[in-house]
All heavy atoms as atom14 arrays in JSON, in Angstrom:
{
  "sequence": "PRSGTVLAGLVMPGFANGHSHAFHRALRGRTHHDRGTFWTWRERMYA",
  "atom14_mask": [
    [1, 1, 1, 1, 1, 1, 1, 0, 0, 0, 0, 0, 0, 0],
    [1, 1, 1, 1, 1, 1, 1, 1, 1, 1, 1, 0, 0, 0],
    [1, 1, 1, 1, 1, 1, 0, 0, 0, 0, 0, 0, 0, 0],
    [1, 1, 1, 1, 0, 0, 0, 0, 0, 0, 0, 0, 0, 0],
    [1, 1, 1, 1, 1, 1, 1, 0, 0, 0, 0, 0, 0, 0],
    [1, 1, 1, 1, 1, 1, 1, 0, 0, 0, 0, 0, 0, 0],
    [1, 1, 1, 1, 1, 1, 1, 1, 0, 0, 0, 0, 0, 0],
    [1, 1, 1, 1, 1, 0, 0, 0, 0, 0, 0, 0, 0, 0],
    [1, 1, 1, 1, 0, 0, 0, 0, 0, 0, 0, 0, 0, 0],
    [1, 1, 1, 1, 1, 1, 1, 1, 0, 0, 0, 0, 0, 0],
    [1, 1, 1, 1, 1, 1, 1, 0, 0, 0, 0, 0, 0, 0],
    [1, 1, 1, 1, 1, 1, 1, 1, 0, 0, 0, 0, 0, 0],
    [1, 1, 1, 1, 1, 1, 1, 0, 0, 0, 0, 0, 0, 0],
    [1, 1, 1, 1, 0, 0, 0, 0, 0, 0, 0, 0, 0, 0],
    [1, 1, 1, 1, 1, 1, 1, 1, 1, 1, 1, 0, 0, 0],
    [1, 1, 1, 1, 1, 0, 0, 0, 0, 0, 0, 0, 0, 0],
    [1, 1, 1, 1, 1, 1, 1, 1, 0, 0, 0, 0, 0, 0],
    [1, 1, 1, 1, 0, 0, 0, 0, 0, 0, 0, 0, 0, 0],
    [1, 1, 1, 1, 1, 1, 1, 1, 1, 1, 0, 0, 0, 0],
    [1, 1, 1, 1, 1, 1, 0, 0, 0, 0, 0, 0, 0, 0],
    [1, 1, 1, 1, 1, 1, 1, 1, 1, 1, 0, 0, 0, 0],
    [1, 1, 1, 1, 1, 0, 0, 0, 0, 0, 0, 0, 0, 0],
    [1, 1, 1, 1, 1, 1, 1, 1, 1, 1, 1, 0, 0, 0],
    [1, 1, 1, 1, 1, 1, 1, 1, 1, 1, 0, 0, 0, 0],
    [1, 1, 1, 1, 1, 1, 1, 1, 1, 1, 1, 0, 0, 0],
    [1, 1, 1, 1, 1, 0, 0, 0, 0, 0, 0, 0, 0, 0],
    [1, 1, 1, 1, 1, 1, 1, 1, 0, 0, 0, 0, 0, 0],
    [1, 1, 1, 1, 1, 1, 1, 1, 1, 1, 1, 0, 0, 0],
    [1, 1, 1, 1, 0, 0, 0, 0, 0, 0, 0, 0, 0, 0],
    [1, 1, 1, 1, 1, 1, 1, 1, 1, 1, 1, 0, 0, 0],
    [1, 1, 1, 1, 1, 1, 1, 0, 0, 0, 0, 0, 0, 0],
    [1, 1, 1, 1, 1, 1, 1, 1, 1, 1, 0, 0, 0, 0],
    [1, 1, 1, 1, 1, 1, 1, 1, 1, 1, 0, 0, 0, 0],
    [1, 1, 1, 1, 1, 1, 1, 1, 0, 0, 0, 0, 0, 0],
    [1, 1, 1, 1, 1, 1, 1, 1, 1, 1, 1, 0, 0, 0],
    [1, 1, 1, 1, 0, 0, 0, 0, 0, 0, 0, 0, 0, 0],
    [1, 1, 1, 1, 1, 1, 1, 0, 0, 0, 0, 0, 0, 0],
    [1, 1, 1, 1, 1, 1, 1, 1, 1, 1, 1, 0, 0, 0],
    [1, 1, 1, 1, 1, 1, 1, 1, 1, 1, 1, 1, 1, 1],
    [1, 1, 1, 1, 1, 1, 1, 0, 0, 0, 0, 0, 0, 0],
    [1, 1, 1, 1, 1, 1, 1, 1, 1, 1, 1, 1, 1, 1],
    [1, 1, 1, 1, 1, 1, 1, 1, 1, 1, 1, 0, 0, 0],
    [1, 1, 1, 1, 1, 1, 1, 1, 1, 0, 0, 0, 0, 0],
    [1, 1, 1, 1, 1, 1, 1, 1, 1, 1, 1, 0, 0, 0],
    [1, 1, 1, 1, 1, 1, 1, 1, 0, 0, 0, 0, 0, 0],
    [1, 1, 1, 1, 1, 1, 1, 1, 1, 1, 1, 1, 0, 0],
    [1, 1, 1, 1, 1, 0, 0, 0, 0, 0, 0, 0, 0, 0]
  ],
  "atom14_positions": [
    [[21.2, 12.19, 57.18], [21.66, 13.54, 57.51], [21.04, 14.02, 58.82], [19.92, 13.63, 59.17], [21.19, 14.38, 56.33], [20.08, 13.6, 55.71], [20.41, 12.16, 55.94], [0.0, 0.0, 0.0], [0.0, 0.0, 0.0], [0.0, 0.0, 0.0], [0.0, 0.0, 0.0], [0.0, 0.0, 0.0], [0.0, 0.0, 0.0], [0.0, 0.0, 0.0]],
    [[21.75, 14.86, 59.54], [21.29, 15.35, 60.83], [20.02, 16.18, 60.65], [19.96, 17.07, 59.81], [22.39, 16.19, 61.47], [22.08, 16.68, 62.86], [23.26, 17.46, 63.44], [24.45, 16.63, 63.58], [25.3, 16.72, 64.6], [25.1, 17.61, 65.56], [26.36, 15.95, 64.66], [0.0, 0.0, 0.0], [0.0, 0.0, 0.0], [0.0, 0.0, 0.0]],
    [[19.01, 15.87, 61.5], [17.75, 16.61, 61.45], [16.98, 16.33, 62.74], [17.26, 15.37, 63.45], [16.9, 16.19, 60.24], [16.58, 14.81, 60.29], [0.0, 0.0, 0.0], [0.0, 0.0, 0.0], [0.0, 0.0, 0.0], [0.0, 0.0, 0.0], [0.0, 0.0, 0.0], [0.0, 0.0, 0.0], [0.0, 0.0, 0.0], [0.0, 0.0, 0.0]],
    [[16.0, 17.18, 63.03], [15.19, 16.98, 64.22], [15.99, 17.2, 65.5], [16.97, 17.94, 65.54], [0.0, 0.0, 0.0], [0.0, 0.0, 0.0], [0.0, 0.0, 0.0], [0.0, 0.0, 0.0], [0.0, 0.0, 0.0], [0.0, 0.0, 0.0], [0.0, 0.0, 0.0], [0.0, 0.0, 0.0], [0.0, 0.0, 0.0], [0.0, 0.0, 0.0]],
    [[15.56, 16.53, 66.55], [16.23, 16.63, 67.85], [17.46, 15.74, 67.87], [17.36, 14.52, 67.64], [15.28, 16.21, 68.98], [14.13, 17.06, 68.98], [15.97, 16.29, 70.33], [0.0, 0.0, 0.0], [0.0, 0.0, 0.0], [0.0, 0.0, 0.0], [0.0, 0.0, 0.0], [0.0, 0.0, 0.0], [0.0, 0.0, 0.0], [0.0, 0.0, 0.0]],
    [[18.61, 16.33, 68.11], [19.87, 15.59, 68.09], [20.13, 14.96, 69.45], [20.05, 15.63, 70.49], [21.04, 16.51, 67.7], [22.37, 15.76, 67.81], [20.84, 17.04, 66.29], [0.0, 0.0, 0.0], [0.0, 0.0, 0.0], [0.0, 0.0, 0.0], [0.0, 0.0, 0.0], [0.0, 0.0, 0.0], [0.0, 0.0, 0.0], [0.0, 0.0, 0.0]],
    [[20.42, 13.67, 69.44], [20.72, 12.92, 70.67], [22.19, 12.52, 70.64], [22.58, 11.62, 69.88], [19.82, 11.68, 70.78], [18.31, 11.94, 70.75], [17.55, 10.61, 70.79], [17.88, 12.83, 71.9], [0.0, 0.0, 0.0], [0.0, 0.0, 0.0], [0.0, 0.0, 0.0], [0.0, 0.0, 0.0], [0.0, 0.0, 0.0], [0.0, 0.0, 0.0]],
    [[23.0, 13.19, 71.44], [24.41, 12.86, 71.51], [24.6, 11.62, 72.38], [23.94, 11.45, 73.4], [25.19, 14.04, 72.1], [0.0, 0.0, 0.0], [0.0, 0.0, 0.0], [0.0, 0.0, 0.0], [0.0, 0.0, 0.0], [0.0, 0.0, 0.0], [0.0, 0.0, 0.0], [0.0, 0.0, 0.0], [0.0, 0.0, 0.0], [0.0, 0.0, 0.0]],
    [[25.5, 10.74, 71.95], [25.74, 9.52, 72.71], [25.2, 8.31, 71.98], [25.07, 8.29, 70.75], [0.0, 0.0, 0.0], [0.0, 0.0, 0.0], [0.0, 0.0, 0.0], [0.0, 0.0, 0.0], [0.0, 0.0, 0.0], [0.0, 0.0, 0.0], [0.0, 0.0, 0.0], [0.0, 0.0, 0.0], [0.0, 0.0, 0.0], [0.0, 0.0, 0.0]],
    [[24.88, 7.28, 72.73], [24.37, 6.02, 72.19], [22.92, 5.84, 72.59], [22.61, 5.84, 73.79], [25.22, 4.85, 72.71], [24.71, 3.44, 72.37], [24.81, 3.18, 70.86], [25.5, 2.38, 73.15], [0.0, 0.0, 0.0], [0.0, 0.0, 0.0], [0.0, 0.0, 0.0], [0.0, 0.0, 0.0], [0.0, 0.0, 0.0], [0.0, 0.0, 0.0]],
    [[22.05, 5.67, 71.62], [20.64, 5.38, 71.89], [20.46, 3.87, 71.95], [20.84, 3.14, 71.01], [19.72, 5.99, 70.82], [18.29, 5.5, 71.01], [19.78, 7.52, 70.88], [0.0, 0.0, 0.0], [0.0, 0.0, 0.0], [0.0, 0.0, 0.0], [0.0, 0.0, 0.0], [0.0, 0.0, 0.0], [0.0, 0.0, 0.0], [0.0, 0.0, 0.0]],
    [[19.9, 3.39, 73.05], [19.65, 1.97, 73.23], [18.16, 1.73, 73.46], [17.43, 2.66, 73.84], [20.44, 1.43, 74.44], [21.94, 1.6, 74.34], [22.83, 0.76, 75.68], [22.56, -0.97, 75.26], [0.0, 0.0, 0.0], [0.0, 0.0, 0.0], [0.0, 0.0, 0.0], [0.0, 0.0, 0.0], [0.0, 0.0, 0.0], [0.0, 0.0, 0.0]],
    [[17.69, 0.51, 73.22], [16.29, 0.22, 73.58], [16.1, 0.3, 75.09], [17.05, 0.05, 75.86], [16.09, -1.21, 73.07], [17.46, -1.79, 72.95], [18.38, -0.65, 72.65], [0.0, 0.0, 0.0], [0.0, 0.0, 0.0], [0.0, 0.0, 0.0], [0.0, 0.0, 0.0], [0.0, 0.0, 0.0], [0.0, 0.0, 0.0], [0.0, 0.0, 0.0]],
    [[14.9, 0.66, 75.53], [14.62, 0.7, 76.96], [14.86, -0.65, 77.6], [14.57, -1.7, 77.01], [0.0, 0.0, 0.0], [0.0, 0.0, 0.0], [0.0, 0.0, 0.0], [0.0, 0.0, 0.0], [0.0, 0.0, 0.0], [0.0, 0.0, 0.0], [0.0, 0.0, 0.0], [0.0, 0.0, 0.0], [0.0, 0.0, 0.0], [0.0, 0.0, 0.0]],
    [[15.39, -0.64, 78.82], [15.66, -1.88, 79.53], [14.4, -2.39, 80.23], [13.53, -1.6, 80.61], [16.78, -1.66, 80.56], [18.11, -1.35, 79.94], [18.58, -0.05, 79.91], [18.88, -2.36, 79.38], [19.81, 0.25, 79.34], [20.11, -2.08, 78.81], [20.57, -0.77, 78.79], [0.0, 0.0, 0.0], [0.0, 0.0, 0.0], [0.0, 0.0, 0.0]],
    [[14.31, -3.69, 80.39], [13.18, -4.33, 81.07], [13.65, -4.9, 82.4], [14.59, -5.71, 82.44], [12.6, -5.46, 80.21], [0.0, 0.0, 0.0], [0.0, 0.0, 0.0], [0.0, 0.0, 0.0], [0.0, 0.0, 0.0], [0.0, 0.0, 0.0], [0.0, 0.0, 0.0], [0.0, 0.0, 0.0], [0.0, 0.0, 0.0], [0.0, 0.0, 0.0]],
    [[13.01, -4.49, 83.48], [13.31, -5.03, 84.8], [12.36, -6.2, 85.04], [11.2, -6.02, 85.41], [13.11, -3.94, 85.86], [13.65, -4.34, 87.21], [13.86, -5.51, 87.49], [13.89, -3.36, 88.06], [0.0, 0.0, 0.0], [0.0, 0.0, 0.0], [0.0, 0.0, 0.0], [0.0, 0.0, 0.0], [0.0, 0.0, 0.0], [0.0, 0.0, 0.0]],
    [[12.84, -7.41, 84.81], [11.98, -8.58, 84.82], [11.55, -9.05, 86.18], [10.61, -9.86, 86.28], [0.0, 0.0, 0.0], [0.0, 0.0, 0.0], [0.0, 0.0, 0.0], [0.0, 0.0, 0.0], [0.0, 0.0, 0.0], [0.0, 0.0, 0.0], [0.0, 0.0, 0.0], [0.0, 0.0, 0.0], [0.0, 0.0, 0.0], [0.0, 0.0, 0.0]],
    [[12.18, -8.57, 87.25], [11.83, -9.06, 88.59], [12.16, -8.01, 89.62], [13.33, -7.67, 89.84], [12.58, -10.36, 88.91], [12.17, -10.99, 90.2], [10.94, -11.6, 90.37], [12.8, -11.13, 91.39], [10.85, -12.08, 91.61], [11.97, -11.8, 92.25], [0.0, 0.0, 0.0], [0.0, 0.0, 0.0], [0.0, 0.0, 0.0], [0.0, 0.0, 0.0]],
    [[11.13, -7.49, 90.28], [11.32, -6.42, 91.26], [10.45, -6.65, 92.48], [9.29, -7.05, 92.37], [10.94, -5.07, 90.62], [10.72, -4.07, 91.59], [0.0, 0.0, 0.0], [0.0, 0.0, 0.0], [0.0, 0.0, 0.0], [0.0, 0.0, 0.0], [0.0, 0.0, 0.0], [0.0, 0.0, 0.0], [0.0, 0.0, 0.0], [0.0, 0.0, 0.0]],
    [[11.03, -6.36, 93.65], [10.27, -6.18, 94.89], [10.51, -4.73, 95.3], [11.54, -4.42, 95.93], [10.75, -7.13, 95.99], [10.66, -8.59, 95.64], [9.47, -9.24, 95.45], [11.63, -9.53, 95.47], [9.7, -10.52, 95.17], [11.02, -10.71, 95.18], [0.0, 0.0, 0.0], [0.0, 0.0, 0.0], [0.0, 0.0, 0.0], [0.0, 0.0, 0.0]],
    [[9.61, -3.84, 94.97], [9.86, -2.41, 95.16], [10.16, -2.06, 96.62], [11.04, -1.25, 96.9], [8.67, -1.59, 94.65], [0.0, 0.0, 0.0], [0.0, 0.0, 0.0], [0.0, 0.0, 0.0], [0.0, 0.0, 0.0], [0.0, 0.0, 0.0], [0.0, 0.0, 0.0], [0.0, 0.0, 0.0], [0.0, 0.0, 0.0], [0.0, 0.0, 0.0]],
    [[9.44, -2.69, 97.55], [9.61, -2.28, 98.94], [10.98, -2.63, 99.5], [11.44, -2.03, 100.48], [8.47, -2.81, 99.81], [8.57, -4.25, 100.27], [9.15, -4.57, 101.48], [8.02, -5.27, 99.5], [9.22, -5.89, 101.92], [8.06, -6.59, 99.93], [8.67, -6.9, 101.15], [0.0, 0.0, 0.0], [0.0, 0.0, 0.0], [0.0, 0.0, 0.0]],
    [[11.68, -3.58, 98.88], [13.02, -3.94, 99.35], [14.0, -2.78, 99.21], [15.07, -2.81, 99.83], [13.55, -5.15, 98.58], [12.88, -6.44, 98.93], [13.34, -7.66, 98.48], [11.79, -6.71, 99.68], [12.55, -8.63, 98.93], [11.61, -8.07, 99.67], [0.0, 0.0, 0.0], [0.0, 0.0, 0.0], [0.0, 0.0, 0.0], [0.0, 0.0, 0.0]],
    [[13.66, -1.78, 98.4], [14.56, -0.62, 98.25], [14.87, 0.03, 99.6], [15.96, 0.58, 99.8], [13.92, 0.39, 97.29], [14.63, 1.73, 97.16], [16.05, 1.59, 96.63], [16.7, 2.9, 96.5], [17.27, 3.57, 97.48], [17.26, 3.07, 98.72], [17.86, 4.73, 97.26], [0.0, 0.0, 0.0], [0.0, 0.0, 0.0], [0.0, 0.0, 0.0]],
    [[13.92, -0.05, 100.53], [14.13, 0.56, 101.85], [15.12, -0.23, 102.7], [15.48, 0.2, 103.8], [12.8, 0.7, 102.59], [0.0, 0.0, 0.0], [0.0, 0.0, 0.0], [0.0, 0.0, 0.0], [0.0, 0.0, 0.0], [0.0, 0.0, 0.0], [0.0, 0.0, 0.0], [0.0, 0.0, 0.0], [0.0, 0.0, 0.0], [0.0, 0.0, 0.0]],
    [[15.59, -1.39, 102.2], [16.59, -2.19, 102.91], [18.01, -1.83, 102.5], [18.97, -2.24, 103.17], [16.36, -3.68, 102.64], [15.07, -4.3, 103.15], [14.89, -5.69, 102.56], [15.07, -4.37, 104.67], [0.0, 0.0, 0.0], [0.0, 0.0, 0.0], [0.0, 0.0, 0.0], [0.0, 0.0, 0.0], [0.0, 0.0, 0.0], [0.0, 0.0, 0.0]],
    [[18.17, -1.08, 101.42], [19.51, -0.82, 100.9], [20.38, -0.16, 101.96], [20.02, 0.85, 102.55], [19.44, 0.06, 99.65], [20.79, 0.22, 98.96], [20.72, 1.19, 97.8], [19.85, 0.73, 96.74], [19.54, 1.47, 95.67], [20.03, 2.7, 95.55], [18.74, 0.98, 94.74], [0.0, 0.0, 0.0], [0.0, 0.0, 0.0], [0.0, 0.0, 0.0]],
    [[21.53, -0.76, 102.2], [22.47, -0.21, 103.17], [22.06, -0.39, 104.62], [22.69, 0.17, 105.52], [0.0, 0.0, 0.0], [0.0, 0.0, 0.0], [0.0, 0.0, 0.0], [0.0, 0.0, 0.0], [0.0, 0.0, 0.0], [0.0, 0.0, 0.0], [0.0, 0.0, 0.0], [0.0, 0.0, 0.0], [0.0, 0.0, 0.0], [0.0, 0.0, 0.0]],
    [[21.03, -1.22, 104.87], [20.52, -1.38, 106.23], [20.47, -2.86, 106.67], [19.78, -3.17, 107.63], [19.12, -0.78, 106.34], [19.1, 0.75, 106.2], [17.68, 1.3, 106.17], [17.66, 2.76, 106.15], [17.59, 3.54, 107.21], [17.52, 3.0, 108.42], [17.57, 4.86, 107.08], [0.0, 0.0, 0.0], [0.0, 0.0, 0.0], [0.0, 0.0, 0.0]],
    [[21.17, -3.74, 105.97], [21.08, -5.16, 106.31], [22.45, -5.79, 106.53], [22.6, -7.0, 106.4], [20.36, -5.94, 105.17], [21.15, -5.84, 103.98], [18.98, -5.38, 104.93], [0.0, 0.0, 0.0], [0.0, 0.0, 0.0], [0.0, 0.0, 0.0], [0.0, 0.0, 0.0], [0.0, 0.0, 0.0], [0.0, 0.0, 0.0], [0.0, 0.0, 0.0]],
    [[23.42, -4.98, 106.89], [24.78, -5.5, 107.0], [25.27, -5.59, 108.44], [26.46, -5.74, 108.69], [25.73, -4.65, 106.15], [25.33, -4.62, 104.71], [25.61, -5.64, 103.84], [24.63, -3.7, 104.0], [25.12, -5.36, 102.66], [24.52, -4.19, 102.72], [0.0, 0.0, 0.0], [0.0, 0.0, 0.0], [0.0, 0.0, 0.0], [0.0, 0.0, 0.0]],
    [[24.35, -5.51, 109.38], [24.71, -5.7, 110.78], [25.13, -7.15, 111.01], [24.68, -8.07, 110.31], [23.52, -5.37, 111.69], [22.84, -4.07, 111.33], [21.87, -3.99, 110.35], [23.0, -2.82, 111.82], [21.46, -2.74, 110.24], [22.13, -2.01, 111.12], [0.0, 0.0, 0.0], [0.0, 0.0, 0.0], [0.0, 0.0, 0.0], [0.0, 0.0, 0.0]],
    [[25.96, -7.39, 111.99], [26.42, -8.76, 112.3], [26.96, -9.45, 111.06], [26.68, -10.61, 110.79], [25.28, -9.58, 112.92], [24.76, -8.98, 114.19], [25.57, -8.43, 114.95], [23.53, -9.04, 114.42], [0.0, 0.0, 0.0], [0.0, 0.0, 0.0], [0.0, 0.0, 0.0], [0.0, 0.0, 0.0], [0.0, 0.0, 0.0], [0.0, 0.0, 0.0]],
    [[27.71, -8.7, 110.26], [28.33, -9.18, 109.03], [27.32, -9.47, 107.94], [27.67, -10.02, 106.89], [29.21, -10.4, 109.29], [30.35, -10.11, 110.27], [31.21, -11.33, 110.51], [31.97, -11.72, 109.31], [32.79, -12.76, 109.28], [32.96, -13.49, 110.36], [33.44, -13.06, 108.17], [0.0, 0.0, 0.0], [0.0, 0.0, 0.0], [0.0, 0.0, 0.0]],
    [[26.05, -9.1, 108.14], [25.08, -9.15, 107.05], [24.76, -10.53, 106.55], [24.83, -10.8, 105.34], [0.0, 0.0, 0.0], [0.0, 0.0, 0.0], [0.0, 0.0, 0.0], [0.0, 0.0, 0.0], [0.0, 0.0, 0.0], [0.0, 0.0, 0.0], [0.0, 0.0, 0.0], [0.0, 0.0, 0.0], [0.0, 0.0, 0.0], [0.0, 0.0, 0.0]],
    [[24.4, -11.46, 107.43], [24.01, -12.79, 106.98], [22.67, -12.75, 106.26], [21.94, -11.75, 106.31], [23.89, -13.75, 108.18], [22.77, -13.34, 108.98], [25.15, -13.75, 109.01], [0.0, 0.0, 0.0], [0.0, 0.0, 0.0], [0.0, 0.0, 0.0], [0.0, 0.0, 0.0], [0.0, 0.0, 0.0], [0.0, 0.0, 0.0], [0.0, 0.0, 0.0]],
    [[22.32, -13.84, 105.59], [21.0, -13.92, 104.95], [19.9, -13.73, 105.99], [18.87, -13.09, 105.73], [20.82, -15.27, 104.25], [19.42, -15.46, 103.71], [19.02, -14.86, 102.53], [18.48, -16.23, 104.41], [17.73, -15.02, 102.05], [17.19, -16.38, 103.94], [16.82, -15.78, 102.75], [0.0, 0.0, 0.0], [0.0, 0.0, 0.0], [0.0, 0.0, 0.0]],
    [[20.11, -14.26, 107.19], [19.06, -14.18, 108.21], [18.92, -12.76, 108.75], [17.82, -12.32, 109.1], [19.34, -15.19, 109.32], [19.42, -16.57, 108.74], [20.53, -17.35, 108.58], [18.33, -17.31, 108.15], [20.21, -18.52, 107.95], [18.87, -18.53, 107.68], [16.97, -17.07, 107.99], [18.09, -19.5, 107.06], [16.19, -18.04, 107.37], [16.75, -19.24, 106.92]],
    [[20.04, -12.02, 108.81], [19.95, -10.6, 109.15], [19.07, -9.89, 108.14], [18.19, -9.1, 108.5], [21.36, -9.97, 109.13], [22.21, -10.65, 110.03], [21.3, -8.49, 109.51], [0.0, 0.0, 0.0], [0.0, 0.0, 0.0], [0.0, 0.0, 0.0], [0.0, 0.0, 0.0], [0.0, 0.0, 0.0], [0.0, 0.0, 0.0], [0.0, 0.0, 0.0]],
    [[19.34, -10.17, 106.87], [18.56, -9.54, 105.79], [17.07, -9.92, 105.91], [16.2, -9.06, 105.8], [19.12, -9.98, 104.44], [18.34, -9.43, 103.28], [18.57, -8.23, 102.64], [17.22, -10.03, 102.63], [17.63, -8.05, 101.65], [16.8, -9.14, 101.62], [16.52, -11.23, 102.82], [15.71, -9.42, 100.79], [15.43, -11.5, 101.99], [15.05, -10.61, 100.99]],
    [[16.8, -11.21, 106.12], [15.42, -11.68, 106.16], [14.65, -11.05, 107.32], [13.49, -10.64, 107.16], [15.4, -13.21, 106.29], [14.02, -13.85, 106.17], [14.2, -15.36, 106.17], [12.97, -16.08, 105.94], [12.18, -16.55, 106.9], [12.5, -16.33, 108.18], [11.07, -17.21, 106.61], [0.0, 0.0, 0.0], [0.0, 0.0, 0.0], [0.0, 0.0, 0.0]],
    [[15.27, -10.93, 108.46], [14.6, -10.32, 109.61], [14.26, -8.86, 109.35], [13.17, -8.39, 109.68], [15.5, -10.43, 110.85], [15.61, -11.85, 111.4], [16.68, -11.97, 112.47], [17.26, -10.93, 112.84], [16.95, -13.11, 112.92], [0.0, 0.0, 0.0], [0.0, 0.0, 0.0], [0.0, 0.0, 0.0], [0.0, 0.0, 0.0], [0.0, 0.0, 0.0]],
    [[15.18, -8.13, 108.73], [14.92, -6.73, 108.41], [13.84, -6.61, 107.34], [13.03, -5.69, 107.36], [16.21, -6.07, 107.93], [17.31, -6.0, 108.96], [17.04, -4.93, 110.01], [17.47, -3.61, 109.55], [17.29, -2.5, 110.24], [16.69, -2.54, 111.42], [17.7, -1.34, 109.77], [0.0, 0.0, 0.0], [0.0, 0.0, 0.0], [0.0, 0.0, 0.0]],
    [[13.84, -7.54, 106.39], [12.82, -7.5, 105.33], [11.43, -7.69, 105.93], [10.48, -6.97, 105.59], [13.11, -8.57, 104.29], [12.18, -8.52, 103.08], [10.66, -9.5, 103.26], [11.33, -11.16, 103.04], [0.0, 0.0, 0.0], [0.0, 0.0, 0.0], [0.0, 0.0, 0.0], [0.0, 0.0, 0.0], [0.0, 0.0, 0.0], [0.0, 0.0, 0.0]],
    [[11.28, -8.65, 106.84], [9.97, -8.87, 107.47], [9.58, -7.68, 108.34], [8.4, -7.29, 108.39], [9.99, -10.15, 108.3], [9.78, -11.41, 107.49], [10.36, -12.61, 107.86], [8.98, -11.4, 106.35], [10.17, -13.77, 107.14], [8.78, -12.56, 105.61], [9.38, -13.74, 106.0], [9.18, -14.89, 105.28], [0.0, 0.0, 0.0], [0.0, 0.0, 0.0]],
    [[10.55, -7.08, 109.01], [10.24, -5.9, 109.82], [9.71, -4.77, 108.94], [8.74, -4.08, 109.29], [11.48, -5.44, 110.58], [0.0, 0.0, 0.0], [0.0, 0.0, 0.0], [0.0, 0.0, 0.0], [0.0, 0.0, 0.0], [0.0, 0.0, 0.0], [0.0, 0.0, 0.0], [0.0, 0.0, 0.0], [0.0, 0.0, 0.0], [0.0, 0.0, 0.0]]
  ]
}
């Protein structure tokens, strides 16, 4: 029966992010110059 704090929707277990490089977030949307090759991305990542 309904009681306590009601949570509308679907309750799921928390997700686990198994592999992250946090600083790469600053690359989002900034590595697509020259058609965005892997080497374009790598150069921006090192910068």
